[in-house]
Structure formats: structure tokens, C-alpha cells
Amino acid sequence: MAGYATGFPDDDIGGDCNGYRFTGSGVDTGGGLADHPAVGCQILDQQFEKMLILSGLFGGLSGLLGSTFSALMANLPAGAVIVMMAAIVFTISLACGPASGLLHQMIDRHRLTNKVAGENLLRKMYEFYELRESAKAPNQNADGFRFEDLLAARAWSPARLRKSLRTARSAGLVQGNGDQQFRLTAKGMHEAYQIVRRHRLWEAYLITHADIAPSQVDWGADAIEHVLDREMIQDLENVLPELKDIKMPPSPHELSIAQPVG
């Protein structure tokens, strides 16, 4: 393979040397060892000192493995194998990194999806209790809420609702009479109360500080309520002092059993 001249003429280095030259595979090896370990360690840790250490370890490991395989197998160029080892180390880091690895992100996204679905279920069941107390849900009975009513309450699929109900029942948040009637336990009522209160505090904040119409605020609050922590709730109470001492802020929009269309 044609080499790449360094630009040093023979006279500059003396003797009968023909000049220093990097082969194409050498350039590829250098580039691979410069890129893959550095990017791979950045996925594992964001601190500069640790990145330097990990990058050196990854580069050394790639060189050791590549040289070993090249020595053990005939006609296997060391440079290409070293770069391949560096790419494998990078791929493992990309897939299994504890902070921003793909596998970690998939697990976090799956957990968040289940959390959101579970909290939406508890919130809707709490709102059903509020409708019952206000005599706006006469079809609900003391035994609980029907699966069909829960299904019509939000834009979720039957499979998603059944999974959320199973998860809530296993956590002791919901009790079920077979697969027909479901109701909140004392633990589930307490958890649902916290979820609904977070939701309505954020709705009140959006209405008073973001000038969002009450009829549209439910969608904005629904996207944020699941990530509000205790400190954020305290901040909301501070900017909404009129709601701080209210046990449960009223809903700014009319509650309904069925999911609105559009």
C-alpha cells in the first residue's frame, strides 16, 4: 500500500535513511486508537481525569489484544486488528455504559413509561372518586370502577391498562374483584393524592404564570407532573401561596369519565 510521506527529506536526517514514512495502515491504526478509546471512555464517565485514565486503559487493552491476535494468526495485520479491538471496546461502552449507554437508556425509558402509566391510572381513579362524591358518576358503585370506564378515561390500550393494573395490584395500590371492578387501597389512595396534588399545583402555575387556558392546561401538566420532586413542589407552593395550605387544590377544568376527543 502506498505510504504517506512525512515531509522530511533525506538530507535533514542524514545517513542513507530513505526518510520516515507512515504506511496507510499505520495512519488508520493511529486514528482508530485516537478516536475509539477517547469516545468510549466519555460514555462511561464525564470527569476529565477519569477519562484520561480510562482512555489510556482502553487504548492499551486494544493494542494488547490486537497484537496478541495478530501474532497468533497468520496473515493478520496488527494495525487492523488493533483498530477492530478498539471498535469492539467502544461498542461495549456504547451499549453498556452506566450513565449514557444505550442499554441503560432503554431500561430508564422503560421504567419511566411504566411509572407514567401507573401514575396516570392512580390519578384517574382518584378523579373518579371525586366525581362519585360530587354525584357526577352515578354508574360507579361502591365495589370499584369498571375496566371499561378506566379504559375510556385515557388514550391507553387495553394491554397497557391491564399491565398497569397488574403492577398496581402487585404493589398494593389497587384491589380488584377479578378483572371487572378495581378500587384504590389506603396506600393507593395516599399515593394518588400526592400525584393529583402535584398535577394541580402545576396546572395552577401554568395558568397563573404561563397564561395557559384552563381548558388546555391538563395536557401541559400531564407531561411534567411525573418528574416533579419534593423540592419543586415546595417551590410551586411558594409561588402559589394561596394553594399552600389547601389539602387538595380544585381542578381548573371540568372532570369527566371519558377521554376528550381532539
C-alpha atoms as a PDB file:
ATOM      1  CA  MET A   1       0.000   0.000   0.000  1.00  0.00           C
ATOM      2  CA  ALA A   2       1.307   3.409  -0.880  1.00  0.00           C
ATOM      3  CA  GLY A   3       2.779   5.298   2.059  1.00  0.00           C
ATOM      4  CA  TYR A   4       2.257   8.858   3.229  1.00  0.00           C
ATOM      5  CA  ALA A   5       5.437  10.958   3.266  1.00  0.00           C
ATOM      6  CA  THR A   6       6.243  12.831   6.431  1.00  0.00           C
ATOM      7  CA  GLY A   7       7.767  15.741   4.569  1.00  0.00           C
ATOM      8  CA  PHE A   8      11.281  15.184   5.966  1.00  0.00           C
ATOM      9  CA  PRO A   9      13.835  14.997   3.153  1.00  0.00           C
ATOM     10  CA  ASP A  10      16.718  12.522   3.342  1.00  0.00           C
ATOM     11  CA  ASP A  11      19.316  15.268   3.880  1.00  0.00           C
ATOM     12  CA  ASP A  12      17.554  16.511   7.009  1.00  0.00           C
ATOM     13  CA  ILE A  13      18.014  13.237   8.864  1.00  0.00           C
ATOM     14  CA  GLY A  14      21.389  12.285   7.465  1.00  0.00           C
ATOM     15  CA  GLY A  15      22.856   8.925   6.573  1.00  0.00           C
ATOM     16  CA  ASP A  16      21.482   6.653   3.994  1.00  0.00           C
ATOM     17  CA  CYS A  17      17.998   6.656   5.501  1.00  0.00           C
ATOM     18  CA  ASN A  18      15.229   6.976   2.952  1.00  0.00           C
ATOM     19  CA  GLY A  19      13.098   9.148   5.259  1.00  0.00           C
ATOM     20  CA  TYR A  20      10.384   8.400   7.737  1.00  0.00           C
ATOM     21  CA  ARG A  21       7.152   7.211   6.238  1.00  0.00           C
ATOM     22  CA  PHE A  22       3.845   6.184   7.773  1.00  0.00           C
ATOM     23  CA  THR A  23       2.003   3.417   5.954  1.00  0.00           C
ATOM     24  CA  GLY A  24      -1.709   3.697   5.319  1.00  0.00           C
ATOM     25  CA  SER A  25      -2.436   1.022   7.927  1.00  0.00           C
ATOM     26  CA  GLY A  26      -0.331   2.967  10.421  1.00  0.00           C
ATOM     27  CA  VAL A  27      -2.411   6.088   9.865  1.00  0.00           C
ATOM     28  CA  ASP A  28      -5.611   4.037  10.287  1.00  0.00           C
ATOM     29  CA  THR A  29      -4.280   2.487  13.477  1.00  0.00           C
ATOM     30  CA  GLY A  30      -3.294   5.841  14.919  1.00  0.00           C
ATOM     31  CA  GLY A  31      -6.658   7.351  14.048  1.00  0.00           C
ATOM     32  CA  GLY A  32      -8.564   4.425  15.485  1.00  0.00           C
ATOM     33  CA  LEU A  33      -6.589   4.469  18.723  1.00  0.00           C
ATOM     34  CA  ALA A  34      -7.036   8.218  18.989  1.00  0.00           C
ATOM     35  CA  ASP A  35     -10.815   8.166  18.480  1.00  0.00           C
ATOM     36  CA  HIS A  36     -12.337   4.965  19.860  1.00  0.00           C
ATOM     37  CA  PRO A  37     -10.829   4.910  23.386  1.00  0.00           C
ATOM     38  CA  ALA A  38     -11.493   8.619  23.945  1.00  0.00           C
ATOM     39  CA  VAL A  39     -15.119   8.456  22.830  1.00  0.00           C
ATOM     40  CA  GLY A  40     -15.713   5.166  24.628  1.00  0.00           C
ATOM     41  CA  CYS A  41     -14.451   6.444  27.974  1.00  0.00           C
ATOM     42  CA  GLN A  42     -16.523   9.623  27.597  1.00  0.00           C
ATOM     43  CA  ILE A  43     -19.627   7.436  27.592  1.00  0.00           C
ATOM     44  CA  LEU A  44     -18.510   5.808  30.851  1.00  0.00           C
ATOM     45  CA  ASP A  45     -17.505   8.923  32.767  1.00  0.00           C
ATOM     46  CA  GLN A  46     -17.592  12.693  32.245  1.00  0.00           C
ATOM     47  CA  GLN A  47     -14.777  13.666  34.634  1.00  0.00           C
ATOM     48  CA  PHE A  48     -11.663  14.670  32.695  1.00  0.00           C
ATOM     49  CA  GLU A  49      -9.157  12.914  34.978  1.00  0.00           C
ATOM     50  CA  LYS A  50     -11.038   9.631  34.842  1.00  0.00           C
ATOM     51  CA  MET A  51     -11.481   9.999  31.093  1.00  0.00           C
ATOM     52  CA  LEU A  52      -7.706  10.236  30.656  1.00  0.00           C
ATOM     53  CA  ILE A  53      -7.128   7.120  32.728  1.00  0.00           C
ATOM     54  CA  LEU A  54      -9.869   5.124  31.032  1.00  0.00           C
ATOM     55  CA  SER A  55      -8.747   6.249  27.590  1.00  0.00           C
ATOM     56  CA  GLY A  56      -5.228   5.046  28.284  1.00  0.00           C
ATOM     57  CA  LEU A  57      -6.521   1.729  29.604  1.00  0.00           C
ATOM     58  CA  PHE A  58      -8.783   1.232  26.610  1.00  0.00           C
ATOM     59  CA  GLY A  59      -6.005   2.083  24.183  1.00  0.00           C
ATOM     60  CA  GLY A  60      -3.544  -0.221  25.926  1.00  0.00           C
ATOM     61  CA  LEU A  61      -6.085  -3.051  26.074  1.00  0.00           C
ATOM     62  CA  SER A  62      -6.895  -2.636  22.383  1.00  0.00           C
ATOM     63  CA  GLY A  63      -3.202  -2.687  21.461  1.00  0.00           C
ATOM     64  CA  LEU A  64      -2.522  -5.744  23.625  1.00  0.00           C
ATOM     65  CA  LEU A  65      -5.446  -7.741  22.284  1.00  0.00           C
ATOM     66  CA  GLY A  66      -4.812  -6.705  18.691  1.00  0.00           C
ATOM     67  CA  SER A  67      -1.105  -7.584  18.849  1.00  0.00           C
ATOM     68  CA  THR A  68      -1.871 -10.905  20.517  1.00  0.00           C
ATOM     69  CA  PHE A  69      -4.425 -11.985  17.927  1.00  0.00           C
ATOM     70  CA  SER A  70      -2.160 -10.817  15.115  1.00  0.00           C
ATOM     71  CA  ALA A  71       0.748 -12.853  16.481  1.00  0.00           C
ATOM     72  CA  LEU A  72      -1.352 -15.985  16.940  1.00  0.00           C
ATOM     73  CA  MET A  73      -2.957 -15.913  13.496  1.00  0.00           C
ATOM     74  CA  ALA A  74      -1.067 -15.856  10.211  1.00  0.00           C
ATOM     75  CA  ASN A  75      -1.509 -13.070   7.666  1.00  0.00           C
ATOM     76  CA  LEU A  76      -3.486 -10.951  10.109  1.00  0.00           C
ATOM     77  CA  PRO A  77      -2.216  -7.335  10.100  1.00  0.00           C
ATOM     78  CA  ALA A  78      -1.672  -6.000  13.583  1.00  0.00           C
ATOM     79  CA  GLY A  79      -2.866  -2.474  12.807  1.00  0.00           C
ATOM     80  CA  ALA A  80      -6.248  -3.547  11.507  1.00  0.00           C
ATOM     81  CA  VAL A  81      -6.809  -5.944  14.410  1.00  0.00           C
ATOM     82  CA  ILE A  82      -5.879  -3.275  16.959  1.00  0.00           C
ATOM     83  CA  VAL A  83      -8.397  -0.873  15.436  1.00  0.00           C
ATOM     84  CA  MET A  84     -11.005  -3.640  15.417  1.00  0.00           C
ATOM     85  CA  MET A  85     -10.352  -4.328  19.117  1.00  0.00           C
ATOM     86  CA  ALA A  86     -10.693  -0.615  19.859  1.00  0.00           C
ATOM     87  CA  ALA A  87     -14.003  -0.572  17.969  1.00  0.00           C
ATOM     88  CA  ILE A  88     -15.225  -3.567  19.982  1.00  0.00           C
ATOM     89  CA  VAL A  89     -14.301  -1.865  23.262  1.00  0.00           C
ATOM     90  CA  PHE A  90     -16.107   1.272  22.087  1.00  0.00           C
ATOM     91  CA  THR A  91     -19.194  -0.741  21.121  1.00  0.00           C
ATOM     92  CA  ILE A  92     -19.305  -2.405  24.535  1.00  0.00           C
ATOM     93  CA  SER A  93     -19.000   1.003  26.212  1.00  0.00           C
ATOM     94  CA  LEU A  94     -21.720   2.434  23.990  1.00  0.00           C
ATOM     95  CA  ALA A  95     -24.086  -0.422  24.794  1.00  0.00           C
ATOM     96  CA  CYS A  96     -23.349  -0.947  28.495  1.00  0.00           C
ATOM     97  CA  GLY A  97     -22.211   2.445  29.779  1.00  0.00           C
ATOM     98  CA  PRO A  98     -23.672   3.086  33.255  1.00  0.00           C
ATOM     99  CA  ALA A  99     -24.527   6.734  32.607  1.00  0.00           C
ATOM    100  CA  SER A 100     -25.416   7.183  28.934  1.00  0.00           C
ATOM    101  CA  GLY A 101     -25.120   3.680  27.472  1.00  0.00           C
ATOM    102  CA  LEU A 102     -27.856   2.520  25.138  1.00  0.00           C
ATOM    103  CA  LEU A 103     -28.901  -0.352  27.389  1.00  0.00           C
ATOM    104  CA  HIS A 104     -29.101   1.964  30.406  1.00  0.00           C
ATOM    105  CA  GLN A 105     -31.194   4.456  28.439  1.00  0.00           C
ATOM    106  CA  MET A 106     -33.559   1.721  27.272  1.00  0.00           C
ATOM    107  CA  ILE A 107     -34.051   0.495  30.839  1.00  0.00           C
ATOM    108  CA  ASP A 108     -34.630   4.041  32.115  1.00  0.00           C
ATOM    109  CA  ARG A 109     -37.120   4.738  29.330  1.00  0.00           C
ATOM    110  CA  HIS A 110     -38.972   1.510  30.089  1.00  0.00           C
ATOM    111  CA  ARG A 111     -39.147   2.342  33.790  1.00  0.00           C
ATOM    112  CA  LEU A 112     -40.330   5.878  33.081  1.00  0.00           C
ATOM    113  CA  THR A 113     -43.024   4.600  30.711  1.00  0.00           C
ATOM    114  CA  ASN A 114     -44.320   2.205  33.364  1.00  0.00           C
ATOM    115  CA  LYS A 115     -44.153   4.909  36.038  1.00  0.00           C
ATOM    116  CA  VAL A 116     -46.101   7.384  33.906  1.00  0.00           C
ATOM    117  CA  ALA A 117     -48.749   4.777  33.069  1.00  0.00           C
ATOM    118  CA  GLY A 118     -49.104   3.760  36.717  1.00  0.00           C
ATOM    119  CA  GLU A 119     -49.381   7.333  37.960  1.00  0.00           C
ATOM    120  CA  ASN A 120     -51.924   8.171  35.267  1.00  0.00           C
ATOM    121  CA  LEU A 121     -54.002   5.212  36.403  1.00  0.00           C
ATOM    122  CA  LEU A 122     -53.920   6.287  40.065  1.00  0.00           C
ATOM    123  CA  ARG A 123     -54.748   9.893  39.150  1.00  0.00           C
ATOM    124  CA  LYS A 124     -57.715   8.881  37.027  1.00  0.00           C
ATOM    125  CA  MET A 125     -59.059   6.589  39.746  1.00  0.00           C
ATOM    126  CA  TYR A 126     -58.731   9.424  42.289  1.00  0.00           C
ATOM    127  CA  GLU A 127     -60.643  11.730  39.955  1.00  0.00           C
ATOM    128  CA  PHE A 128     -63.316   9.049  39.632  1.00  0.00           C
ATOM    129  CA  TYR A 129     -63.711   9.145  43.410  1.00  0.00           C
ATOM    130  CA  GLU A 130     -64.081  12.912  43.227  1.00  0.00           C
ATOM    131  CA  LEU A 131     -66.763  12.542  40.556  1.00  0.00           C
ATOM    132  CA  ARG A 132     -68.567   9.990  42.687  1.00  0.00           C
ATOM    133  CA  GLU A 133     -68.558  12.297  45.688  1.00  0.00           C
ATOM    134  CA  SER A 134     -69.986  15.093  43.542  1.00  0.00           C
ATOM    135  CA  ALA A 135     -72.678  12.707  42.248  1.00  0.00           C
ATOM    136  CA  LYS A 136     -71.445  13.102  38.676  1.00  0.00           C
ATOM    137  CA  ALA A 137     -70.637   9.446  38.260  1.00  0.00           C
ATOM    138  CA  PRO A 138     -73.824   7.593  39.155  1.00  0.00           C
ATOM    139  CA  ASN A 139     -72.803   4.488  37.250  1.00  0.00           C
ATOM    140  CA  GLN A 140     -69.904   3.857  39.629  1.00  0.00           C
ATOM    141  CA  ASN A 141     -70.639   1.644  42.597  1.00  0.00           C
ATOM    142  CA  ALA A 142     -69.007   1.017  45.949  1.00  0.00           C
ATOM    143  CA  ASP A 143     -67.244  -2.089  44.680  1.00  0.00           C
ATOM    144  CA  GLY A 144     -64.921  -0.075  42.471  1.00  0.00           C
ATOM    145  CA  PHE A 145     -64.576   1.068  38.904  1.00  0.00           C
ATOM    146  CA  ARG A 146     -65.159  -0.970  35.816  1.00  0.00           C
ATOM    147  CA  PHE A 147     -62.338  -1.819  33.437  1.00  0.00           C
ATOM    148  CA  GLU A 148     -64.329  -0.305  30.565  1.00  0.00           C
ATOM    149  CA  ASP A 149     -64.648   3.032  32.387  1.00  0.00           C
ATOM    150  CA  LEU A 150     -60.929   3.149  33.130  1.00  0.00           C
ATOM    151  CA  LEU A 151     -60.169   2.269  29.524  1.00  0.00           C
ATOM    152  CA  ALA A 152     -62.359   5.118  28.243  1.00  0.00           C
ATOM    153  CA  ALA A 153     -60.772   7.604  30.642  1.00  0.00           C
ATOM    154  CA  ARG A 154     -57.480   7.937  28.776  1.00  0.00           C
ATOM    155  CA  ALA A 155     -55.966   7.145  25.390  1.00  0.00           C
ATOM    156  CA  TRP A 156     -54.359   3.890  26.507  1.00  0.00           C
ATOM    157  CA  SER A 157     -54.666   0.445  25.023  1.00  0.00           C
ATOM    158  CA  PRO A 158     -56.343  -2.472  26.832  1.00  0.00           C
ATOM    159  CA  ALA A 159     -52.975  -4.228  27.099  1.00  0.00           C
ATOM    160  CA  ARG A 160     -51.314  -1.154  28.641  1.00  0.00           C
ATOM    161  CA  LEU A 161     -54.176  -0.699  31.119  1.00  0.00           C
ATOM    162  CA  ARG A 162     -54.102  -4.358  32.155  1.00  0.00           C
ATOM    163  CA  LYS A 163     -50.345  -4.176  32.681  1.00  0.00           C
ATOM    164  CA  SER A 164     -50.682  -1.019  34.791  1.00  0.00           C
ATOM    165  CA  LEU A 165     -53.434  -2.625  36.857  1.00  0.00           C
ATOM    166  CA  ARG A 166     -51.328  -5.742  37.449  1.00  0.00           C
ATOM    167  CA  THR A 167     -48.373  -3.612  38.524  1.00  0.00           C
ATOM    168  CA  ALA A 168     -50.548  -1.510  40.833  1.00  0.00           C
ATOM    169  CA  ARG A 169     -52.134  -4.601  42.359  1.00  0.00           C
ATOM    170  CA  SER A 170     -48.767  -6.229  42.994  1.00  0.00           C
ATOM    171  CA  ALA A 171     -47.587  -3.004  44.690  1.00  0.00           C
ATOM    172  CA  GLY A 172     -50.642  -2.975  46.956  1.00  0.00           C
ATOM    173  CA  LEU A 173     -52.065   0.203  45.414  1.00  0.00           C
ATOM    174  CA  VAL A 174     -55.152  -1.277  43.785  1.00  0.00           C
ATOM    175  CA  GLN A 175     -57.526  -4.066  44.700  1.00  0.00           C
ATOM    176  CA  GLY A 176     -59.516  -5.903  42.101  1.00  0.00           C
ATOM    177  CA  ASN A 177     -62.650  -8.032  42.089  1.00  0.00           C
ATOM    178  CA  GLY A 178     -61.458 -10.380  39.423  1.00  0.00           C
ATOM    179  CA  ASP A 179     -60.937  -8.421  36.225  1.00  0.00           C
ATOM    180  CA  GLN A 180     -64.153  -6.409  36.441  1.00  0.00           C
ATOM    181  CA  GLN A 181     -64.003  -3.988  39.392  1.00  0.00           C
ATOM    182  CA  PHE A 182     -60.978  -2.088  40.702  1.00  0.00           C
ATOM    183  CA  ARG A 183     -60.565   0.293  43.632  1.00  0.00           C
ATOM    184  CA  LEU A 184     -57.732   2.059  45.407  1.00  0.00           C
ATOM    185  CA  THR A 185     -56.336   0.702  48.640  1.00  0.00           C
ATOM    186  CA  ALA A 186     -55.437   3.025  51.526  1.00  0.00           C
ATOM    187  CA  LYS A 187     -51.851   3.013  50.259  1.00  0.00           C
ATOM    188  CA  GLY A 188     -53.036   3.644  46.715  1.00  0.00           C
ATOM    189  CA  MET A 189     -55.287   6.496  47.849  1.00  0.00           C
ATOM    190  CA  HIS A 190     -52.361   8.197  49.584  1.00  0.00           C
ATOM    191  CA  GLU A 191     -50.152   7.780  46.524  1.00  0.00           C
ATOM    192  CA  ALA A 192     -52.904   9.003  44.204  1.00  0.00           C
ATOM    193  CA  TYR A 193     -53.479  12.033  46.426  1.00  0.00           C
ATOM    194  CA  GLN A 194     -49.819  13.056  46.058  1.00  0.00           C
ATOM    195  CA  ILE A 195     -49.939  12.573  42.289  1.00  0.00           C
ATOM    196  CA  VAL A 196     -53.143  14.590  41.828  1.00  0.00           C
ATOM    197  CA  ARG A 197     -51.892  17.376  44.089  1.00  0.00           C
ATOM    198  CA  ARG A 198     -48.652  17.675  42.055  1.00  0.00           C
ATOM    199  CA  HIS A 199     -50.685  17.733  38.874  1.00  0.00           C
ATOM    200  CA  ARG A 200     -53.000  20.504  40.047  1.00  0.00           C
ATOM    201  CA  LEU A 201     -50.252  22.625  41.530  1.00  0.00           C
ATOM    202  CA  TRP A 202     -48.514  22.568  38.168  1.00  0.00           C
ATOM    203  CA  GLU A 203     -51.805  23.331  36.414  1.00  0.00           C
ATOM    204  CA  ALA A 204     -52.284  26.362  38.681  1.00  0.00           C
ATOM    205  CA  TYR A 205     -48.738  27.501  37.954  1.00  0.00           C
ATOM    206  CA  LEU A 206     -49.238  27.237  34.193  1.00  0.00           C
ATOM    207  CA  ILE A 207     -52.499  29.165  34.374  1.00  0.00           C
ATOM    208  CA  THR A 208     -51.198  32.000  36.556  1.00  0.00           C
ATOM    209  CA  HIS A 209     -47.623  32.309  35.238  1.00  0.00           C
ATOM    210  CA  ALA A 210     -47.679  30.895  31.693  1.00  0.00           C
ATOM    211  CA  ASP A 211     -51.085  32.279  30.683  1.00  0.00           C
ATOM    212  CA  ILE A 212     -52.379  28.899  29.508  1.00  0.00           C
ATOM    213  CA  ALA A 213     -56.124  28.470  29.236  1.00  0.00           C
ATOM    214  CA  PRO A 214     -57.682  26.190  31.897  1.00  0.00           C
ATOM    215  CA  SER A 215     -59.214  24.028  29.182  1.00  0.00           C
ATOM    216  CA  GLN A 216     -55.761  23.321  27.717  1.00  0.00           C
ATOM    217  CA  VAL A 217     -53.629  23.149  30.842  1.00  0.00           C
ATOM    218  CA  ASP A 218     -54.259  19.471  31.592  1.00  0.00           C
ATOM    219  CA  TRP A 219     -52.038  18.329  28.720  1.00  0.00           C
ATOM    220  CA  GLY A 220     -49.114  20.511  29.791  1.00  0.00           C
ATOM    221  CA  ALA A 221     -49.335  19.379  33.411  1.00  0.00           C
ATOM    222  CA  ASP A 222     -49.603  15.751  32.363  1.00  0.00           C
ATOM    223  CA  ALA A 223     -46.175  15.916  30.729  1.00  0.00           C
ATOM    224  CA  ILE A 224     -44.407  17.418  33.758  1.00  0.00           C
ATOM    225  CA  GLU A 225     -46.066  16.051  36.893  1.00  0.00           C
ATOM    226  CA  HIS A 226     -44.173  12.755  36.740  1.00  0.00           C
ATOM    227  CA  VAL A 227     -40.770  14.404  37.232  1.00  0.00           C
ATOM    228  CA  LEU A 228     -41.673  16.912  39.947  1.00  0.00           C
ATOM    229  CA  ASP A 229     -39.704  16.183  43.118  1.00  0.00           C
ATOM    230  CA  ARG A 230     -40.306  17.429  46.660  1.00  0.00           C
ATOM    231  CA  GLU A 231     -38.111  20.497  46.191  1.00  0.00           C
ATOM    232  CA  MET A 232     -40.009  21.516  43.061  1.00  0.00           C
ATOM    233  CA  ILE A 233     -43.313  21.060  44.875  1.00  0.00           C
ATOM    234  CA  GLN A 234     -42.121  23.354  47.649  1.00  0.00           C
ATOM    235  CA  ASP A 235     -41.111  25.939  45.050  1.00  0.00           C
ATOM    236  CA  LEU A 236     -44.579  25.727  43.495  1.00  0.00           C
ATOM    237  CA  GLU A 237     -46.195  26.203  46.888  1.00  0.00           C
ATOM    238  CA  ASN A 238     -44.014  29.254  47.483  1.00  0.00           C
ATOM    239  CA  VAL A 239     -45.073  30.895  44.229  1.00  0.00           C
ATOM    240  CA  LEU A 240     -48.695  29.836  44.798  1.00  0.00           C
ATOM    241  CA  PRO A 241     -49.203  30.770  48.465  1.00  0.00           C
ATOM    242  CA  GLU A 242     -52.979  30.664  48.129  1.00  0.00           C
ATOM    243  CA  LEU A 243     -52.760  26.897  47.498  1.00  0.00           C
ATOM    244  CA  LYS A 244     -50.072  26.014  50.015  1.00  0.00           C
ATOM    245  CA  ASP A 245     -52.456  25.242  52.875  1.00  0.00           C
ATOM    246  CA  ILE A 246     -55.189  23.719  50.731  1.00  0.00           C
ATOM    247  CA  LYS A 247     -55.320  19.958  51.131  1.00  0.00           C
ATOM    248  CA  MET A 248     -56.333  19.353  47.526  1.00  0.00           C
ATOM    249  CA  PRO A 249     -56.474  22.234  45.026  1.00  0.00           C
ATOM    250  CA  PRO A 250     -59.599  22.109  42.874  1.00  0.00           C
ATOM    251  CA  SER A 251     -59.311  21.074  39.264  1.00  0.00           C
ATOM    252  CA  PRO A 252     -59.266  24.150  36.989  1.00  0.00           C
ATOM    253  CA  HIS A 253     -61.204  22.241  34.344  1.00  0.00           C
ATOM    254  CA  GLU A 254     -64.228  20.003  34.467  1.00  0.00           C
ATOM    255  CA  LEU A 255     -63.522  16.379  35.246  1.00  0.00           C
ATOM    256  CA  SER A 256     -65.096  13.742  33.066  1.00  0.00           C
ATOM    257  CA  ILE A 257     -65.131   9.979  32.853  1.00  0.00           C
ATOM    258  CA  ALA A 258     -64.434   9.682  29.151  1.00  0.00           C
ATOM    259  CA  GLN A 259     -61.242  10.904  27.469  1.00  0.00           C
ATOM    260  CA  PRO A 260     -61.912  14.097  25.481  1.00  0.00           C
ATOM    261  CA  VAL A 261     -61.608  13.771  21.728  1.00  0.00           C
ATOM    262  CA  GLY A 262     -59.216  16.114  19.887  1.00  0.00           C
END
